[in-house]
Amino acid sequence: MKNRIVIWAAVGFIVAGGWALYAAASPFATQRMESLWILARVTCPITLISGLPLNLYAVLLANAVTYALIGLLVENLREHRNNPRIHRF
């Protein structure tokens, strides 16, 4: 299970890094790109929480931690569902 949590964190790091690269490569925000930025805000939850400009490293770390916490929740629920020994209420 620990390996899966690390994979979740790595995915969060890669997602934030991908959006950072995309933002650096795009010339400017247009009306057409607004729906794409909505997707970026959903996949990087730190941008929804913080209205302040953040350091790239802080965003990468925060997104990795967020995805690791989501992964921990998902993996625990998955383990609970697949393990018949756990008492269900």
PDB file of N, CA and C in Angstrom:
ATOM      1  N   MET A   1       0.820  -1.188   0.000  1.00  0.00           N
ATOM      2  CA  MET A   1       0.000   0.000   0.000  1.00  0.00           C
ATOM      3  C   MET A   1       0.873   1.265   0.000  1.00  0.00           C
ATOM      4  N   LYS A   2       2.042   1.188   0.633  1.00  0.00           N
ATOM      5  CA  LYS A   2       2.923   2.353   0.670  1.00  0.00           C
ATOM      6  C   LYS A   2       3.371   2.740  -0.737  1.00  0.00           C
ATOM      7  N   ASN A   3       3.631   1.732  -1.560  1.00  0.00           N
ATOM      8  CA  ASN A   3       4.057   2.021  -2.932  1.00  0.00           C
ATOM      9  C   ASN A   3       2.960   2.744  -3.705  1.00  0.00           C
ATOM     10  N   ARG A   4       1.729   2.378  -3.462  1.00  0.00           N
ATOM     11  CA  ARG A   4       0.621   3.038  -4.152  1.00  0.00           C
ATOM     12  C   ARG A   4       0.468   4.488  -3.710  1.00  0.00           C
ATOM     13  N   ILE A   5       0.703   4.757  -2.451  1.00  0.00           N
ATOM     14  CA  ILE A   5       0.630   6.135  -1.959  1.00  0.00           C
ATOM     15  C   ILE A   5       1.736   6.967  -2.601  1.00  0.00           C
ATOM     16  N   VAL A   6       2.918   6.387  -2.725  1.00  0.00           N
ATOM     17  CA  VAL A   6       4.026   7.083  -3.389  1.00  0.00           C
ATOM     18  C   VAL A   6       3.681   7.352  -4.850  1.00  0.00           C
ATOM     19  N   ILE A   7       3.022   6.416  -5.496  1.00  0.00           N
ATOM     20  CA  ILE A   7       2.604   6.613  -6.890  1.00  0.00           C
ATOM     21  C   ILE A   7       1.586   7.748  -6.976  1.00  0.00           C
ATOM     22  N   TRP A   8       0.640   7.798  -6.050  1.00  0.00           N
ATOM     23  CA  TRP A   8      -0.337   8.891  -6.025  1.00  0.00           C
ATOM     24  C   TRP A   8       0.384  10.238  -5.873  1.00  0.00           C
ATOM     25  N   ALA A   9       1.362  10.300  -4.974  1.00  0.00           N
ATOM     26  CA  ALA A   9       2.105  11.544  -4.766  1.00  0.00           C
ATOM     27  C   ALA A   9       2.897  11.922  -6.014  1.00  0.00           C
ATOM     28  N   ALA A  10       3.492  10.942  -6.666  1.00  0.00           N
ATOM     29  CA  ALA A  10       4.251  11.211  -7.893  1.00  0.00           C
ATOM     30  C   ALA A  10       3.335  11.729  -8.996  1.00  0.00           C
ATOM     31  N   VAL A  11       2.140  11.174  -9.086  1.00  0.00           N
ATOM     32  CA  VAL A  11       1.182  11.658 -10.089  1.00  0.00           C
ATOM     33  C   VAL A  11       0.806  13.112  -9.799  1.00  0.00           C
ATOM     34  N   GLY A  12       0.590  13.442  -8.550  1.00  0.00           N
ATOM     35  CA  GLY A  12       0.280  14.820  -8.187  1.00  0.00           C
ATOM     36  C   GLY A  12       1.413  15.766  -8.537  1.00  0.00           C
ATOM     37  N   PHE A  13       2.639  15.337  -8.303  1.00  0.00           N
ATOM     38  CA  PHE A  13       3.814  16.140  -8.647  1.00  0.00           C
ATOM     39  C   PHE A  13       3.906  16.330 -10.158  1.00  0.00           C
ATOM     40  N   ILE A  14       3.681  15.279 -10.910  1.00  0.00           N
ATOM     41  CA  ILE A  14       3.764  15.342 -12.369  1.00  0.00           C
ATOM     42  C   ILE A  14       2.647  16.214 -12.946  1.00  0.00           C
ATOM     43  N   VAL A  15       1.452  16.104 -12.396  1.00  0.00           N
ATOM     44  CA  VAL A  15       0.334  16.924 -12.878  1.00  0.00           C
ATOM     45  C   VAL A  15       0.638  18.401 -12.679  1.00  0.00           C
ATOM     46  N   ALA A  16       1.097  18.765 -11.490  1.00  0.00           N
ATOM     47  CA  ALA A  16       1.422  20.174 -11.230  1.00  0.00           C
ATOM     48  C   ALA A  16       2.579  20.634 -12.111  1.00  0.00           C
ATOM     49  N   GLY A  17       3.568  19.779 -12.302  1.00  0.00           N
ATOM     50  CA  GLY A  17       4.685  20.130 -13.171  1.00  0.00           C
ATOM     51  C   GLY A  17       4.262  20.297 -14.617  1.00  0.00           C
ATOM     52  N   GLY A  18       3.344  19.456 -15.052  1.00  0.00           N
ATOM     53  CA  GLY A  18       2.832  19.576 -16.419  1.00  0.00           C
ATOM     54  C   GLY A  18       2.083  20.879 -16.634  1.00  0.00           C
ATOM     55  N   TRP A  19       1.267  21.270 -15.658  1.00  0.00           N
ATOM     56  CA  TRP A  19       0.554  22.538 -15.778  1.00  0.00           C
ATOM     57  C   TRP A  19       1.517  23.715 -15.722  1.00  0.00           C
ATOM     58  N   ALA A  20       2.574  23.600 -14.932  1.00  0.00           N
ATOM     59  CA  ALA A  20       3.571  24.678 -14.872  1.00  0.00           C
ATOM     60  C   ALA A  20       4.283  24.828 -16.214  1.00  0.00           C
ATOM     61  N   LEU A  21       4.629  23.709 -16.828  1.00  0.00           N
ATOM     62  CA  LEU A  21       5.257  23.764 -18.150  1.00  0.00           C
ATOM     63  C   LEU A  21       4.303  24.332 -19.189  1.00  0.00           C
ATOM     64  N   TYR A  22       3.054  23.938 -19.124  1.00  0.00           N
ATOM     65  CA  TYR A  22       2.068  24.447 -20.071  1.00  0.00           C
ATOM     66  C   TYR A  22       1.866  25.949 -19.900  1.00  0.00           C
ATOM     67  N   ALA A  23       1.804  26.400 -18.657  1.00  0.00           N
ATOM     68  CA  ALA A  23       1.613  27.829 -18.400  1.00  0.00           C
ATOM     69  C   ALA A  23       2.818  28.639 -18.878  1.00  0.00           C
ATOM     70  N   ALA A  24       3.994  28.059 -18.735  1.00  0.00           N
ATOM     71  CA  ALA A  24       5.194  28.769 -19.191  1.00  0.00           C
ATOM     72  C   ALA A  24       5.264  28.814 -20.718  1.00  0.00           C
ATOM     73  N   ALA A  25       4.727  27.806 -21.376  1.00  0.00           N
ATOM     74  CA  ALA A  25       4.804  27.738 -22.833  1.00  0.00           C
ATOM     75  C   ALA A  25       3.687  28.510 -23.525  1.00  0.00           C
ATOM     76  N   SER A  26       2.558  28.704 -22.858  1.00  0.00           N
ATOM     77  CA  SER A  26       1.443  29.413 -23.489  1.00  0.00           C
ATOM     78  C   SER A  26       1.697  30.917 -23.444  1.00  0.00           C
ATOM     79  N   PRO A  27       1.441  31.615 -24.537  1.00  0.00           N
ATOM     80  CA  PRO A  27       1.767  33.051 -24.581  1.00  0.00           C
ATOM     81  C   PRO A  27       0.904  33.898 -23.645  1.00  0.00           C
ATOM     82  N   PHE A  28      -0.388  33.701 -23.650  1.00  0.00           N
ATOM     83  CA  PHE A  28      -1.286  34.455 -22.778  1.00  0.00           C
ATOM     84  C   PHE A  28      -2.629  33.746 -22.738  1.00  0.00           C
ATOM     85  N   ALA A  29      -3.417  34.072 -21.716  1.00  0.00           N
ATOM     86  CA  ALA A  29      -4.724  33.437 -21.549  1.00  0.00           C
ATOM     87  C   ALA A  29      -5.738  34.093 -22.480  1.00  0.00           C
ATOM     88  N   THR A  30      -6.454  33.285 -23.206  1.00  0.00           N
ATOM     89  CA  THR A  30      -7.520  33.777 -24.068  1.00  0.00           C
ATOM     90  C   THR A  30      -8.845  33.225 -23.586  1.00  0.00           C
ATOM     91  N   GLN A  31      -9.906  33.703 -24.166  1.00  0.00           N
ATOM     92  CA  GLN A  31     -11.246  33.237 -23.804  1.00  0.00           C
ATOM     93  C   GLN A  31     -11.384  31.751 -24.104  1.00  0.00           C
ATOM     94  N   ARG A  32     -10.772  31.300 -25.187  1.00  0.00           N
ATOM     95  CA  ARG A  32     -10.877  29.908 -25.589  1.00  0.00           C
ATOM     96  C   ARG A  32     -10.201  28.978 -24.588  1.00  0.00           C
ATOM     97  N   MET A  33      -9.174  29.465 -23.914  1.00  0.00           N
ATOM     98  CA  MET A  33      -8.416  28.638 -22.986  1.00  0.00           C
ATOM     99  C   MET A  33      -9.016  28.620 -21.581  1.00  0.00           C
ATOM    100  N   GLU A  34     -10.097  29.348 -21.353  1.00  0.00           N
ATOM    101  CA  GLU A  34     -10.662  29.430 -20.009  1.00  0.00           C
ATOM    102  C   GLU A  34     -11.121  28.066 -19.486  1.00  0.00           C
ATOM    103  N   SER A  35     -11.716  27.244 -20.334  1.00  0.00           N
ATOM    104  CA  SER A  35     -12.151  25.911 -19.882  1.00  0.00           C
ATOM    105  C   SER A  35     -10.954  25.033 -19.548  1.00  0.00           C
ATOM    106  N   LEU A  36      -9.845  25.244 -20.227  1.00  0.00           N
ATOM    107  CA  LEU A  36      -8.636  24.483 -19.927  1.00  0.00           C
ATOM    108  C   LEU A  36      -8.076  24.880 -18.559  1.00  0.00           C
ATOM    109  N   TRP A  37      -8.143  26.151 -18.216  1.00  0.00           N
ATOM    110  CA  TRP A  37      -7.660  26.593 -16.913  1.00  0.00           C
ATOM    111  C   TRP A  37      -8.569  26.115 -15.787  1.00  0.00           C
ATOM    112  N   ILE A  38      -9.838  25.912 -16.081  1.00  0.00           N
ATOM    113  CA  ILE A  38     -10.730  25.320 -15.079  1.00  0.00           C
ATOM    114  C   ILE A  38     -10.266  23.902 -14.758  1.00  0.00           C
ATOM    115  N   LEU A  39      -9.894  23.150 -15.786  1.00  0.00           N
ATOM    116  CA  LEU A  39      -9.355  21.804 -15.578  1.00  0.00           C
ATOM    117  C   LEU A  39      -8.063  21.854 -14.772  1.00  0.00           C
ATOM    118  N   ALA A  40      -7.234  22.831 -15.047  1.00  0.00           N
ATOM    119  CA  ALA A  40      -5.983  22.973 -14.289  1.00  0.00           C
ATOM    120  C   ALA A  40      -6.273  23.264 -12.820  1.00  0.00           C
ATOM    121  N   ARG A  41      -7.247  24.092 -12.550  1.00  0.00           N
ATOM    122  CA  ARG A  41      -7.583  24.413 -11.153  1.00  0.00           C
ATOM    123  C   ARG A  41      -8.157  23.208 -10.411  1.00  0.00           C
ATOM    124  N   VAL A  42      -8.880  22.360 -11.115  1.00  0.00           N
ATOM    125  CA  VAL A  42      -9.453  21.175 -10.478  1.00  0.00           C
ATOM    126  C   VAL A  42      -8.367  20.135 -10.196  1.00  0.00           C
ATOM    127  N   THR A  43      -7.422  19.973 -11.116  1.00  0.00           N
ATOM    128  CA  THR A  43      -6.378  18.972 -10.921  1.00  0.00           C
ATOM    129  C   THR A  43      -5.258  19.453 -10.007  1.00  0.00           C
ATOM    130  N   CYS A  44      -5.192  20.731  -9.717  1.00  0.00           N
ATOM    131  CA  CYS A  44      -4.244  21.293  -8.743  1.00  0.00           C
ATOM    132  C   CYS A  44      -5.036  22.010  -7.668  1.00  0.00           C
ATOM    133  N   PRO A  45      -5.506  21.294  -6.657  1.00  0.00           N
ATOM    134  CA  PRO A  45      -6.389  21.889  -5.652  1.00  0.00           C
ATOM    135  C   PRO A  45      -5.773  23.056  -4.885  1.00  0.00           C
ATOM    136  N   ILE A  46      -4.466  23.152  -4.795  1.00  0.00           N
ATOM    137  CA  ILE A  46      -3.851  24.268  -4.074  1.00  0.00           C
ATOM    138  C   ILE A  46      -4.200  25.593  -4.731  1.00  0.00           C
ATOM    139  N   THR A  47      -4.433  25.605  -6.028  1.00  0.00           N
ATOM    140  CA  THR A  47      -4.796  26.853  -6.708  1.00  0.00           C
ATOM    141  C   THR A  47      -6.207  27.295  -6.333  1.00  0.00           C
ATOM    142  N   LEU A  48      -7.058  26.355  -5.959  1.00  0.00           N
ATOM    143  CA  LEU A  48      -8.403  26.715  -5.507  1.00  0.00           C
ATOM    144  C   LEU A  48      -8.377  27.284  -4.098  1.00  0.00           C
ATOM    145  N   ILE A  49      -7.508  26.750  -3.267  1.00  0.00           N
ATOM    146  CA  ILE A  49      -7.445  27.145  -1.867  1.00  0.00           C
ATOM    147  C   ILE A  49      -6.754  28.498  -1.711  1.00  0.00           C
ATOM    148  N   SER A  50      -5.649  28.658  -2.391  1.00  0.00           N
ATOM    149  CA  SER A  50      -4.851  29.864  -2.215  1.00  0.00           C
ATOM    150  C   SER A  50      -5.126  30.860  -3.334  1.00  0.00           C
ATOM    151  N   GLY A  51      -5.443  32.073  -2.964  1.00  0.00           N
ATOM    152  CA  GLY A  51      -5.638  33.122  -3.945  1.00  0.00           C
ATOM    153  C   GLY A  51      -4.364  33.912  -4.181  1.00  0.00           C
ATOM    154  N   LEU A  52      -3.319  33.556  -3.445  1.00  0.00           N
ATOM    155  CA  LEU A  52      -2.049  34.262  -3.549  1.00  0.00           C
ATOM    156  C   LEU A  52      -1.136  33.592  -4.567  1.00  0.00           C
ATOM    157  N   PRO A  53      -0.254  34.346  -5.189  1.00  0.00           N
ATOM    158  CA  PRO A  53       0.737  33.715  -6.063  1.00  0.00           C
ATOM    159  C   PRO A  53       1.710  32.880  -5.223  1.00  0.00           C
ATOM    160  N   LEU A  54       1.942  31.674  -5.668  1.00  0.00           N
ATOM    161  CA  LEU A  54       2.788  30.755  -4.908  1.00  0.00           C
ATOM    162  C   LEU A  54       4.043  30.412  -5.696  1.00  0.00           C
ATOM    163  N   ASN A  55       5.071  30.041  -4.982  1.00  0.00           N
ATOM    164  CA  ASN A  55       6.302  29.553  -5.567  1.00  0.00           C
ATOM    165  C   ASN A  55       6.032  28.221  -6.267  1.00  0.00           C
ATOM    166  N   LEU A  56       6.717  27.959  -7.370  1.00  0.00           N
ATOM    167  CA  LEU A  56       6.518  26.716  -8.111  1.00  0.00           C
ATOM    168  C   LEU A  56       6.783  25.503  -7.239  1.00  0.00           C
ATOM    169  N   TYR A  57       7.832  25.561  -6.437  1.00  0.00           N
ATOM    170  CA  TYR A  57       8.171  24.433  -5.577  1.00  0.00           C
ATOM    171  C   TYR A  57       7.090  24.183  -4.525  1.00  0.00           C
ATOM    172  N   ALA A  58       6.492  25.236  -4.025  1.00  0.00           N
ATOM    173  CA  ALA A  58       5.413  25.085  -3.053  1.00  0.00           C
ATOM    174  C   ALA A  58       4.198  24.431  -3.693  1.00  0.00           C
ATOM    175  N   VAL A  59       3.890  24.806  -4.930  1.00  0.00           N
ATOM    176  CA  VAL A  59       2.755  24.202  -5.638  1.00  0.00           C
ATOM    177  C   VAL A  59       3.023  22.732  -5.922  1.00  0.00           C
ATOM    178  N   LEU A  60       4.239  22.413  -6.365  1.00  0.00           N
ATOM    179  CA  LEU A  60       4.581  21.011  -6.633  1.00  0.00           C
ATOM    180  C   LEU A  60       4.468  20.164  -5.368  1.00  0.00           C
ATOM    181  N   LEU A  61       5.003  20.682  -4.274  1.00  0.00           N
ATOM    182  CA  LEU A  61       4.948  19.947  -3.014  1.00  0.00           C
ATOM    183  C   LEU A  61       3.516  19.820  -2.500  1.00  0.00           C
ATOM    184  N   ALA A  62       2.771  20.916  -2.544  1.00  0.00           N
ATOM    185  CA  ALA A  62       1.389  20.883  -2.047  1.00  0.00           C
ATOM    186  C   ALA A  62       0.528  19.942  -2.875  1.00  0.00           C
ATOM    187  N   ASN A  63       0.719  19.926  -4.186  1.00  0.00           N
ATOM    188  CA  ASN A  63      -0.071  19.035  -5.026  1.00  0.00           C
ATOM    189  C   ASN A  63       0.308  17.574  -4.772  1.00  0.00           C
ATOM    190  N   ALA A  64       1.600  17.306  -4.569  1.00  0.00           N
ATOM    191  CA  ALA A  64       2.022  15.937  -4.258  1.00  0.00           C
ATOM    192  C   ALA A  64       1.424  15.473  -2.931  1.00  0.00           C
ATOM    193  N   VAL A  65       1.417  16.341  -1.939  1.00  0.00           N
ATOM    194  CA  VAL A  65       0.840  15.988  -0.634  1.00  0.00           C
ATOM    195  C   VAL A  65      -0.671  15.795  -0.753  1.00  0.00           C
ATOM    196  N   THR A  66      -1.328  16.659  -1.508  1.00  0.00           N
ATOM    197  CA  THR A  66      -2.778  16.536  -1.691  1.00  0.00           C
ATOM    198  C   THR A  66      -3.131  15.217  -2.363  1.00  0.00           C
ATOM    199  N   TYR A  67      -2.412  14.877  -3.424  1.00  0.00           N
ATOM    200  CA  TYR A  67      -2.682  13.621  -4.113  1.00  0.00           C
ATOM    201  C   TYR A  67      -2.344  12.425  -3.230  1.00  0.00           C
ATOM    202  N   ALA A  68      -1.297  12.526  -2.398  1.00  0.00           N
ATOM    203  CA  ALA A  68      -0.973  11.434  -1.474  1.00  0.00           C
ATOM    204  C   ALA A  68      -2.091  11.233  -0.459  1.00  0.00           C
ATOM    205  N   LEU A  69      -2.663  12.319   0.048  1.00  0.00           N
ATOM    206  CA  LEU A  69      -3.783  12.195   0.993  1.00  0.00           C
ATOM    207  C   LEU A  69      -5.022  11.604   0.322  1.00  0.00           C
ATOM    208  N   ILE A  70      -5.286  12.021  -0.895  1.00  0.00           N
ATOM    209  CA  ILE A  70      -6.407  11.431  -1.644  1.00  0.00           C
ATOM    210  C   ILE A  70      -6.142   9.953  -1.881  1.00  0.00           C
ATOM    211  N   GLY A  71      -4.897   9.628  -2.240  1.00  0.00           N
ATOM    212  CA  GLY A  71      -4.521   8.229  -2.456  1.00  0.00           C
ATOM    213  C   GLY A  71      -4.650   7.401  -1.194  1.00  0.00           C
ATOM    214  N   LEU A  72      -4.271   7.974  -0.057  1.00  0.00           N
ATOM    215  CA  LEU A  72      -4.412   7.269   1.212  1.00  0.00           C
ATOM    216  C   LEU A  72      -5.872   6.957   1.502  1.00  0.00           C
ATOM    217  N   LEU A  73      -6.735   7.909   1.270  1.00  0.00           N
ATOM    218  CA  LEU A  73      -8.165   7.697   1.468  1.00  0.00           C
ATOM    219  C   LEU A  73      -8.700   6.630   0.519  1.00  0.00           C
ATOM    220  N   VAL A  74      -8.358   6.730  -0.750  1.00  0.00           N
ATOM    221  CA  VAL A  74      -8.845   5.765  -1.748  1.00  0.00           C
ATOM    222  C   VAL A  74      -8.322   4.369  -1.457  1.00  0.00           C
ATOM    223  N   GLU A  75      -7.048   4.262  -1.135  1.00  0.00           N
ATOM    224  CA  GLU A  75      -6.471   2.939  -0.869  1.00  0.00           C
ATOM    225  C   GLU A  75      -7.036   2.323   0.402  1.00  0.00           C
ATOM    226  N   ASN A  76      -7.299   3.122   1.423  1.00  0.00           N
ATOM    227  CA  ASN A  76      -7.929   2.582   2.634  1.00  0.00           C
ATOM    228  C   ASN A  76      -9.349   2.107   2.356  1.00  0.00           C
ATOM    229  N   LEU A  77     -10.092   2.878   1.594  1.00  0.00           N
ATOM    230  CA  LEU A  77     -11.445   2.446   1.233  1.00  0.00           C
ATOM    231  C   LEU A  77     -11.405   1.183   0.376  1.00  0.00           C
ATOM    232  N   ARG A  78     -10.455   1.122  -0.515  1.00  0.00           N
ATOM    233  CA  ARG A  78     -10.313  -0.056  -1.374  1.00  0.00           C
ATOM    234  C   ARG A  78      -9.946  -1.291  -0.556  1.00  0.00           C
ATOM    235  N   GLU A  79      -9.026  -1.127   0.390  1.00  0.00           N
ATOM    236  CA  GLU A  79      -8.628  -2.241   1.249  1.00  0.00           C
ATOM    237  C   GLU A  79      -9.791  -2.686   2.131  1.00  0.00           C
ATOM    238  N   HIS A  80     -10.535  -1.724   2.641  1.00  0.00           N
ATOM    239  CA  HIS A  80     -11.682  -2.035   3.488  1.00  0.00           C
ATOM    240  C   HIS A  80     -12.743  -2.810   2.703  1.00  0.00           C
ATOM    241  N   ARG A  81     -12.943  -2.444   1.454  1.00  0.00           N
ATOM    242  CA  ARG A  81     -13.948  -3.108   0.631  1.00  0.00           C
ATOM    243  C   ARG A  81     -13.524  -4.524   0.250  1.00  0.00           C
ATOM    244  N   ASN A  82     -12.228  -4.728   0.012  1.00  0.00           N
ATOM    245  CA  ASN A  82     -11.742  -6.022  -0.457  1.00  0.00           C
ATOM    246  C   ASN A  82     -11.392  -7.001   0.653  1.00  0.00           C
ATOM    247  N   ASN A  83     -11.323  -6.560   1.902  1.00  0.00           N
ATOM    248  CA  ASN A  83     -10.944  -7.426   3.001  1.00  0.00           C
ATOM    249  C   ASN A  83     -12.199  -7.916   3.722  1.00  0.00           C
ATOM    250  N   PRO A  84     -12.509  -9.215   3.631  1.00  0.00           N
ATOM    251  CA  PRO A  84     -13.733  -9.714   4.279  1.00  0.00           C
ATOM    252  C   PRO A  84     -13.631  -9.791   5.801  1.00  0.00           C
ATOM    253  N   ARG A  85     -12.418  -9.697   6.391  1.00  0.00           N
ATOM    254  CA  ARG A  85     -12.263  -9.806   7.829  1.00  0.00           C
ATOM    255  C   ARG A  85     -12.681  -8.548   8.576  1.00  0.00           C
ATOM    256  N   ILE A  86     -12.689  -7.435   7.881  1.00  0.00           N
ATOM    257  CA  ILE A  86     -13.033  -6.173   8.540  1.00  0.00           C
ATOM    258  C   ILE A  86     -14.527  -6.139   8.786  1.00  0.00           C
ATOM    259  N   HIS A  87     -14.888  -5.810  10.041  1.00  0.00           N
ATOM    260  CA  HIS A  87     -16.297  -5.761  10.406  1.00  0.00           C
ATOM    261  C   HIS A  87     -16.967  -4.542   9.760  1.00  0.00           C
ATOM    262  N   ARG A  88     -18.070  -4.779   9.115  1.00  0.00           N
ATOM    263  CA  ARG A  88     -18.812  -3.682   8.495  1.00  0.00           C
ATOM    264  C   ARG A  88     -20.023  -3.339   9.363  1.00  0.00           C
ATOM    265  N   PHE A  89     -20.268  -2.061   9.471  1.00  0.00           N
ATOM    266  CA  PHE A  89     -21.374  -1.594  10.293  1.00  0.00           C
ATOM    267  C   PHE A  89     -22.651  -1.560   9.510  1.00  0.00           C
TER     268      PHE A  89
END
